[in-house]
Amino acid sequence: MKVRLIQAFLMSLLLSSLMSCWVTWLNLGFNDEFLELWLNAFIAAWPVAGIIAFFSGPEVHKISIKLANR
């Protein structure tokens, strides 16, 4: 359970930070407000990403094993 929590924490941190940065840049461009806008998007996205990663992680892992063994 400890590993699952750490993995969900790190995966959600990485994905939500990169994806919120990417989408903020695509939608608004890089301007003077970029950092503030990206940070707001990241703060909104990270908790949701953490919950999704925690609860879907085991099932995604099982599917990945099945696909890799084909």
PDB file of N, CA and C in Angstrom:
ATOM      1  N   MET A   1       0.829  -1.194   0.000  1.00  0.00           N
ATOM      2  CA  MET A   1       0.000   0.000   0.000  1.00  0.00           C
ATOM      3  C   MET A   1       0.877   1.263   0.000  1.00  0.00           C
ATOM      4  N   LYS A   2       1.994   1.218   0.725  1.00  0.00           N
ATOM      5  CA  LYS A   2       2.881   2.375   0.775  1.00  0.00           C
ATOM      6  C   LYS A   2       3.447   2.692  -0.611  1.00  0.00           C
ATOM      7  N   VAL A   3       3.862   1.652  -1.321  1.00  0.00           N
ATOM      8  CA  VAL A   3       4.406   1.837  -2.669  1.00  0.00           C
ATOM      9  C   VAL A   3       3.327   2.384  -3.600  1.00  0.00           C
ATOM     10  N   ARG A   4       2.116   1.867  -3.469  1.00  0.00           N
ATOM     11  CA  ARG A   4       1.008   2.331  -4.313  1.00  0.00           C
ATOM     12  C   ARG A   4       0.725   3.815  -4.078  1.00  0.00           C
ATOM     13  N   LEU A   5       0.760   4.259  -2.835  1.00  0.00           N
ATOM     14  CA  LEU A   5       0.552   5.682  -2.522  1.00  0.00           C
ATOM     15  C   LEU A   5       1.668   6.550  -3.096  1.00  0.00           C
ATOM     16  N   ILE A   6       2.900   6.095  -2.922  1.00  0.00           N
ATOM     17  CA  ILE A   6       4.044   6.864  -3.434  1.00  0.00           C
ATOM     18  C   ILE A   6       3.999   6.928  -4.959  1.00  0.00           C
ATOM     19  N   GLN A   7       3.690   5.791  -5.593  1.00  0.00           N
ATOM     20  CA  GLN A   7       3.620   5.778  -7.050  1.00  0.00           C
ATOM     21  C   GLN A   7       2.516   6.701  -7.558  1.00  0.00           C
ATOM     22  N   ALA A   8       1.343   6.652  -6.944  1.00  0.00           N
ATOM     23  CA  ALA A   8       0.239   7.528  -7.353  1.00  0.00           C
ATOM     24  C   ALA A   8       0.615   8.990  -7.155  1.00  0.00           C
ATOM     25  N   PHE A   9       1.275   9.289  -6.041  1.00  0.00           N
ATOM     26  CA  PHE A   9       1.714  10.656  -5.751  1.00  0.00           C
ATOM     27  C   PHE A   9       2.679  11.152  -6.831  1.00  0.00           C
ATOM     28  N   LEU A  10       3.701  10.355  -7.112  1.00  0.00           N
ATOM     29  CA  LEU A  10       4.719  10.780  -8.078  1.00  0.00           C
ATOM     30  C   LEU A  10       4.190  10.823  -9.507  1.00  0.00           C
ATOM     31  N   MET A  11       3.410   9.818  -9.894  1.00  0.00           N
ATOM     32  CA  MET A  11       2.876   9.792 -11.261  1.00  0.00           C
ATOM     33  C   MET A  11       1.918  10.953 -11.481  1.00  0.00           C
ATOM     34  N   SER A  12       1.058  11.216 -10.517  1.00  0.00           N
ATOM     35  CA  SER A  12       0.113  12.329 -10.667  1.00  0.00           C
ATOM     36  C   SER A  12       0.837  13.672 -10.654  1.00  0.00           C
ATOM     37  N   LEU A  13       1.863  13.795  -9.847  1.00  0.00           N
ATOM     38  CA  LEU A  13       2.659  15.030  -9.818  1.00  0.00           C
ATOM     39  C   LEU A  13       3.299  15.274 -11.180  1.00  0.00           C
ATOM     40  N   LEU A  14       3.934  14.252 -11.707  1.00  0.00           N
ATOM     41  CA  LEU A  14       4.615  14.388 -12.993  1.00  0.00           C
ATOM     42  C   LEU A  14       3.626  14.685 -14.122  1.00  0.00           C
ATOM     43  N   LEU A  15       2.592  13.867 -14.240  1.00  0.00           N
ATOM     44  CA  LEU A  15       1.659  14.035 -15.351  1.00  0.00           C
ATOM     45  C   LEU A  15       0.855  15.327 -15.266  1.00  0.00           C
ATOM     46  N   SER A  16       0.365  15.664 -14.080  1.00  0.00           N
ATOM     47  CA  SER A  16      -0.441  16.882 -13.975  1.00  0.00           C
ATOM     48  C   SER A  16       0.407  18.132 -14.185  1.00  0.00           C
ATOM     49  N   SER A  17       1.647  18.110 -13.730  1.00  0.00           N
ATOM     50  CA  SER A  17       2.490  19.296 -13.949  1.00  0.00           C
ATOM     51  C   SER A  17       2.823  19.455 -15.432  1.00  0.00           C
ATOM     52  N   LEU A  18       3.207  18.369 -16.088  1.00  0.00           N
ATOM     53  CA  LEU A  18       3.558  18.472 -17.504  1.00  0.00           C
ATOM     54  C   LEU A  18       2.342  18.757 -18.384  1.00  0.00           C
ATOM     55  N   MET A  19       1.255  18.069 -18.141  1.00  0.00           N
ATOM     56  CA  MET A  19       0.067  18.261 -18.981  1.00  0.00           C
ATOM     57  C   MET A  19      -0.567  19.633 -18.765  1.00  0.00           C
ATOM     58  N   SER A  20      -0.636  20.101 -17.522  1.00  0.00           N
ATOM     59  CA  SER A  20      -1.216  21.423 -17.292  1.00  0.00           C
ATOM     60  C   SER A  20      -0.328  22.504 -17.905  1.00  0.00           C
ATOM     61  N   CYS A  21       0.984  22.308 -17.853  1.00  0.00           N
ATOM     62  CA  CYS A  21       1.904  23.261 -18.492  1.00  0.00           C
ATOM     63  C   CYS A  21       1.692  23.256 -20.010  1.00  0.00           C
ATOM     64  N   TRP A  22       1.627  22.075 -20.594  1.00  0.00           N
ATOM     65  CA  TRP A  22       1.455  21.949 -22.033  1.00  0.00           C
ATOM     66  C   TRP A  22       0.147  22.572 -22.506  1.00  0.00           C
ATOM     67  N   VAL A  23      -0.952  22.244 -21.838  1.00  0.00           N
ATOM     68  CA  VAL A  23      -2.259  22.748 -22.262  1.00  0.00           C
ATOM     69  C   VAL A  23      -2.365  24.255 -22.022  1.00  0.00           C
ATOM     70  N   THR A  24      -1.798  24.739 -20.931  1.00  0.00           N
ATOM     71  CA  THR A  24      -1.795  26.186 -20.683  1.00  0.00           C
ATOM     72  C   THR A  24      -1.027  26.900 -21.785  1.00  0.00           C
ATOM     73  N   TRP A  25       0.119  26.352 -22.159  1.00  0.00           N
ATOM     74  CA  TRP A  25       0.919  26.967 -23.219  1.00  0.00           C
ATOM     75  C   TRP A  25       0.191  26.921 -24.566  1.00  0.00           C
ATOM     76  N   LEU A  26      -0.441  25.778 -24.881  1.00  0.00           N
ATOM     77  CA  LEU A  26      -1.173  25.671 -26.145  1.00  0.00           C
ATOM     78  C   LEU A  26      -2.335  26.667 -26.214  1.00  0.00           C
ATOM     79  N   ASN A  27      -3.064  26.802 -25.131  1.00  0.00           N
ATOM     80  CA  ASN A  27      -4.249  27.650 -25.135  1.00  0.00           C
ATOM     81  C   ASN A  27      -3.943  29.138 -24.994  1.00  0.00           C
ATOM     82  N   LEU A  28      -2.933  29.482 -24.223  1.00  0.00           N
ATOM     83  CA  LEU A  28      -2.704  30.893 -23.902  1.00  0.00           C
ATOM     84  C   LEU A  28      -1.359  31.431 -24.365  1.00  0.00           C
ATOM     85  N   GLY A  29      -0.477  30.548 -24.756  1.00  0.00           N
ATOM     86  CA  GLY A  29       0.857  30.988 -25.152  1.00  0.00           C
ATOM     87  C   GLY A  29       1.708  31.333 -23.942  1.00  0.00           C
ATOM     88  N   PHE A  30       2.945  31.659 -24.214  1.00  0.00           N
ATOM     89  CA  PHE A  30       3.867  32.025 -23.140  1.00  0.00           C
ATOM     90  C   PHE A  30       3.856  33.540 -23.003  1.00  0.00           C
ATOM     91  N   ASN A  31       3.237  34.013 -21.927  1.00  0.00           N
ATOM     92  CA  ASN A  31       3.155  35.455 -21.699  1.00  0.00           C
ATOM     93  C   ASN A  31       3.525  35.767 -20.252  1.00  0.00           C
ATOM     94  N   ASP A  32       3.327  37.008 -19.847  1.00  0.00           N
ATOM     95  CA  ASP A  32       3.707  37.430 -18.503  1.00  0.00           C
ATOM     96  C   ASP A  32       2.928  36.716 -17.405  1.00  0.00           C
ATOM     97  N   GLU A  33       1.731  36.253 -17.712  1.00  0.00           N
ATOM     98  CA  GLU A  33       0.895  35.585 -16.714  1.00  0.00           C
ATOM     99  C   GLU A  33       1.008  34.060 -16.763  1.00  0.00           C
ATOM    100  N   PHE A  34       1.873  33.552 -17.638  1.00  0.00           N
ATOM    101  CA  PHE A  34       1.927  32.108 -17.857  1.00  0.00           C
ATOM    102  C   PHE A  34       2.140  31.320 -16.570  1.00  0.00           C
ATOM    103  N   LEU A  35       3.128  31.696 -15.780  1.00  0.00           N
ATOM    104  CA  LEU A  35       3.458  30.938 -14.571  1.00  0.00           C
ATOM    105  C   LEU A  35       2.272  30.878 -13.607  1.00  0.00           C
ATOM    106  N   GLU A  36       1.611  32.008 -13.408  1.00  0.00           N
ATOM    107  CA  GLU A  36       0.450  32.049 -12.512  1.00  0.00           C
ATOM    108  C   GLU A  36      -0.701  31.203 -13.061  1.00  0.00           C
ATOM    109  N   LEU A  37      -0.955  31.311 -14.356  1.00  0.00           N
ATOM    110  CA  LEU A  37      -2.039  30.539 -14.969  1.00  0.00           C
ATOM    111  C   LEU A  37      -1.735  29.043 -14.934  1.00  0.00           C
ATOM    112  N   TRP A  38      -0.493  28.682 -15.239  1.00  0.00           N
ATOM    113  CA  TRP A  38      -0.110  27.273 -15.186  1.00  0.00           C
ATOM    114  C   TRP A  38      -0.226  26.743 -13.765  1.00  0.00           C
ATOM    115  N   LEU A  39       0.238  27.506 -12.787  1.00  0.00           N
ATOM    116  CA  LEU A  39       0.171  27.057 -11.404  1.00  0.00           C
ATOM    117  C   LEU A  39      -1.261  26.837 -10.955  1.00  0.00           C
ATOM    118  N   ASN A  40      -2.160  27.711 -11.344  1.00  0.00           N
ATOM    119  CA  ASN A  40      -3.581  27.528 -11.012  1.00  0.00           C
ATOM    120  C   ASN A  40      -4.133  26.259 -11.646  1.00  0.00           C
ATOM    121  N   ALA A  41      -3.777  26.005 -12.897  1.00  0.00           N
ATOM    122  CA  ALA A  41      -4.229  24.784 -13.577  1.00  0.00           C
ATOM    123  C   ALA A  41      -3.644  23.545 -12.904  1.00  0.00           C
ATOM    124  N   PHE A  42      -2.375  23.618 -12.538  1.00  0.00           N
ATOM    125  CA  PHE A  42      -1.725  22.490 -11.877  1.00  0.00           C
ATOM    126  C   PHE A  42      -2.364  22.190 -10.525  1.00  0.00           C
ATOM    127  N   ILE A  43      -2.616  23.215  -9.728  1.00  0.00           N
ATOM    128  CA  ILE A  43      -3.234  23.025  -8.413  1.00  0.00           C
ATOM    129  C   ILE A  43      -4.620  22.405  -8.538  1.00  0.00           C
ATOM    130  N   ALA A  44      -5.341  22.756  -9.579  1.00  0.00           N
ATOM    131  CA  ALA A  44      -6.663  22.165  -9.798  1.00  0.00           C
ATOM    132  C   ALA A  44      -6.550  20.725 -10.299  1.00  0.00           C
ATOM    133  N   ALA A  45      -5.534  20.428 -11.092  1.00  0.00           N
ATOM    134  CA  ALA A  45      -5.417  19.116 -11.719  1.00  0.00           C
ATOM    135  C   ALA A  45      -4.793  18.055 -10.813  1.00  0.00           C
ATOM    136  N   TRP A  46      -3.839  18.435  -9.978  1.00  0.00           N
ATOM    137  CA  TRP A  46      -3.073  17.437  -9.241  1.00  0.00           C
ATOM    138  C   TRP A  46      -3.917  16.560  -8.312  1.00  0.00           C
ATOM    139  N   PRO A  47      -4.800  17.115  -7.501  1.00  0.00           N
ATOM    140  CA  PRO A  47      -5.590  16.231  -6.627  1.00  0.00           C
ATOM    141  C   PRO A  47      -6.441  15.233  -7.414  1.00  0.00           C
ATOM    142  N   VAL A  48      -7.024  15.681  -8.499  1.00  0.00           N
ATOM    143  CA  VAL A  48      -7.845  14.786  -9.325  1.00  0.00           C
ATOM    144  C   VAL A  48      -6.962  13.709  -9.946  1.00  0.00           C
ATOM    145  N   ALA A  49      -5.810  14.095 -10.459  1.00  0.00           N
ATOM    146  CA  ALA A  49      -4.883  13.134 -11.049  1.00  0.00           C
ATOM    147  C   ALA A  49      -4.412  12.122 -10.004  1.00  0.00           C
ATOM    148  N   GLY A  50      -4.193  12.574  -8.781  1.00  0.00           N
ATOM    149  CA  GLY A  50      -3.773  11.672  -7.710  1.00  0.00           C
ATOM    150  C   GLY A  50      -4.820  10.622  -7.397  1.00  0.00           C
ATOM    151  N   ILE A  51      -6.050  11.040  -7.316  1.00  0.00           N
ATOM    152  CA  ILE A  51      -7.146  10.110  -7.034  1.00  0.00           C
ATOM    153  C   ILE A  51      -7.298   9.103  -8.175  1.00  0.00           C
ATOM    154  N   ILE A  52      -7.258   9.607  -9.400  1.00  0.00           N
ATOM    155  CA  ILE A  52      -7.375   8.717 -10.559  1.00  0.00           C
ATOM    156  C   ILE A  52      -6.210   7.725 -10.594  1.00  0.00           C
ATOM    157  N   ALA A  53      -5.001   8.202 -10.382  1.00  0.00           N
ATOM    158  CA  ALA A  53      -3.824   7.319 -10.408  1.00  0.00           C
ATOM    159  C   ALA A  53      -3.897   6.266  -9.309  1.00  0.00           C
ATOM    160  N   PHE A  54      -4.350   6.655  -8.137  1.00  0.00           N
ATOM    161  CA  PHE A  54      -4.413   5.707  -7.026  1.00  0.00           C
ATOM    162  C   PHE A  54      -5.431   4.603  -7.294  1.00  0.00           C
ATOM    163  N   PHE A  55      -6.606   4.976  -7.742  1.00  0.00           N
ATOM    164  CA  PHE A  55      -7.666   3.986  -7.906  1.00  0.00           C
ATOM    165  C   PHE A  55      -7.589   3.202  -9.209  1.00  0.00           C
ATOM    166  N   SER A  56      -7.040   3.789 -10.258  1.00  0.00           N
ATOM    167  CA  SER A  56      -6.968   3.065 -11.528  1.00  0.00           C
ATOM    168  C   SER A  56      -5.629   2.357 -11.716  1.00  0.00           C
ATOM    169  N   GLY A  57      -4.653   2.680 -10.901  1.00  0.00           N
ATOM    170  CA  GLY A  57      -3.312   2.108 -11.041  1.00  0.00           C
ATOM    171  C   GLY A  57      -3.256   0.601 -11.086  1.00  0.00           C
ATOM    172  N   PRO A  58      -3.876  -0.090 -10.136  1.00  0.00           N
ATOM    173  CA  PRO A  58      -3.807  -1.552 -10.159  1.00  0.00           C
ATOM    174  C   PRO A  58      -4.440  -2.170 -11.411  1.00  0.00           C
ATOM    175  N   GLU A  59      -5.544  -1.638 -11.853  1.00  0.00           N
ATOM    176  CA  GLU A  59      -6.202  -2.168 -13.044  1.00  0.00           C
ATOM    177  C   GLU A  59      -5.375  -1.885 -14.292  1.00  0.00           C
ATOM    178  N   VAL A  60      -4.806  -0.696 -14.395  1.00  0.00           N
ATOM    179  CA  VAL A  60      -3.937  -0.362 -15.527  1.00  0.00           C
ATOM    180  C   VAL A  60      -2.710  -1.277 -15.527  1.00  0.00           C
ATOM    181  N   HIS A  61      -2.201  -1.575 -14.357  1.00  0.00           N
ATOM    182  CA  HIS A  61      -1.052  -2.481 -14.244  1.00  0.00           C
ATOM    183  C   HIS A  61      -1.416  -3.873 -14.766  1.00  0.00           C
ATOM    184  N   LYS A  62      -2.564  -4.389 -14.395  1.00  0.00           N
ATOM    185  CA  LYS A  62      -3.021  -5.706 -14.870  1.00  0.00           C
ATOM    186  C   LYS A  62      -3.180  -5.719 -16.391  1.00  0.00           C
ATOM    187  N   ILE A  63      -3.786  -4.681 -16.933  1.00  0.00           N
ATOM    188  CA  ILE A  63      -3.971  -4.589 -18.384  1.00  0.00           C
ATOM    189  C   ILE A  63      -2.614  -4.519 -19.086  1.00  0.00           C
ATOM    190  N   SER A  64      -1.687  -3.772 -18.515  1.00  0.00           N
ATOM    191  CA  SER A  64      -0.351  -3.646 -19.101  1.00  0.00           C
ATOM    192  C   SER A  64       0.361  -4.992 -19.152  1.00  0.00           C
ATOM    193  N   ILE A  65       0.232  -5.774 -18.093  1.00  0.00           N
ATOM    194  CA  ILE A  65       0.855  -7.100 -18.060  1.00  0.00           C
ATOM    195  C   ILE A  65       0.238  -7.991 -19.139  1.00  0.00           C
ATOM    196  N   LYS A  66      -1.078  -7.954 -19.267  1.00  0.00           N
ATOM    197  CA  LYS A  66      -1.746  -8.765 -20.290  1.00  0.00           C
ATOM    198  C   LYS A  66      -1.294  -8.370 -21.697  1.00  0.00           C
ATOM    199  N   LEU A  67      -1.216  -7.065 -21.952  1.00  0.00           N
ATOM    200  CA  LEU A  67      -0.784  -6.594 -23.277  1.00  0.00           C
ATOM    201  C   LEU A  67       0.672  -6.938 -23.556  1.00  0.00           C
ATOM    202  N   ALA A  68       1.504  -6.859 -22.562  1.00  0.00           N
ATOM    203  CA  ALA A  68       2.927  -7.148 -22.740  1.00  0.00           C
ATOM    204  C   ALA A  68       3.177  -8.626 -22.982  1.00  0.00           C
ATOM    205  N   ASN A  69       2.312  -9.478 -22.471  1.00  0.00           N
ATOM    206  CA  ASN A  69       2.485 -10.925 -22.616  1.00  0.00           C
ATOM    207  C   ASN A  69       1.832 -11.504 -23.857  1.00  0.00           C
ATOM    208  N   ARG A  70       1.266 -10.676 -24.706  1.00  0.00           N
ATOM    209  CA  ARG A  70       0.654 -11.174 -25.947  1.00  0.00           C
ATOM    210  C   ARG A  70       1.696 -11.533 -26.959  1.00  0.00           C
TER     211      ARG A  70
END
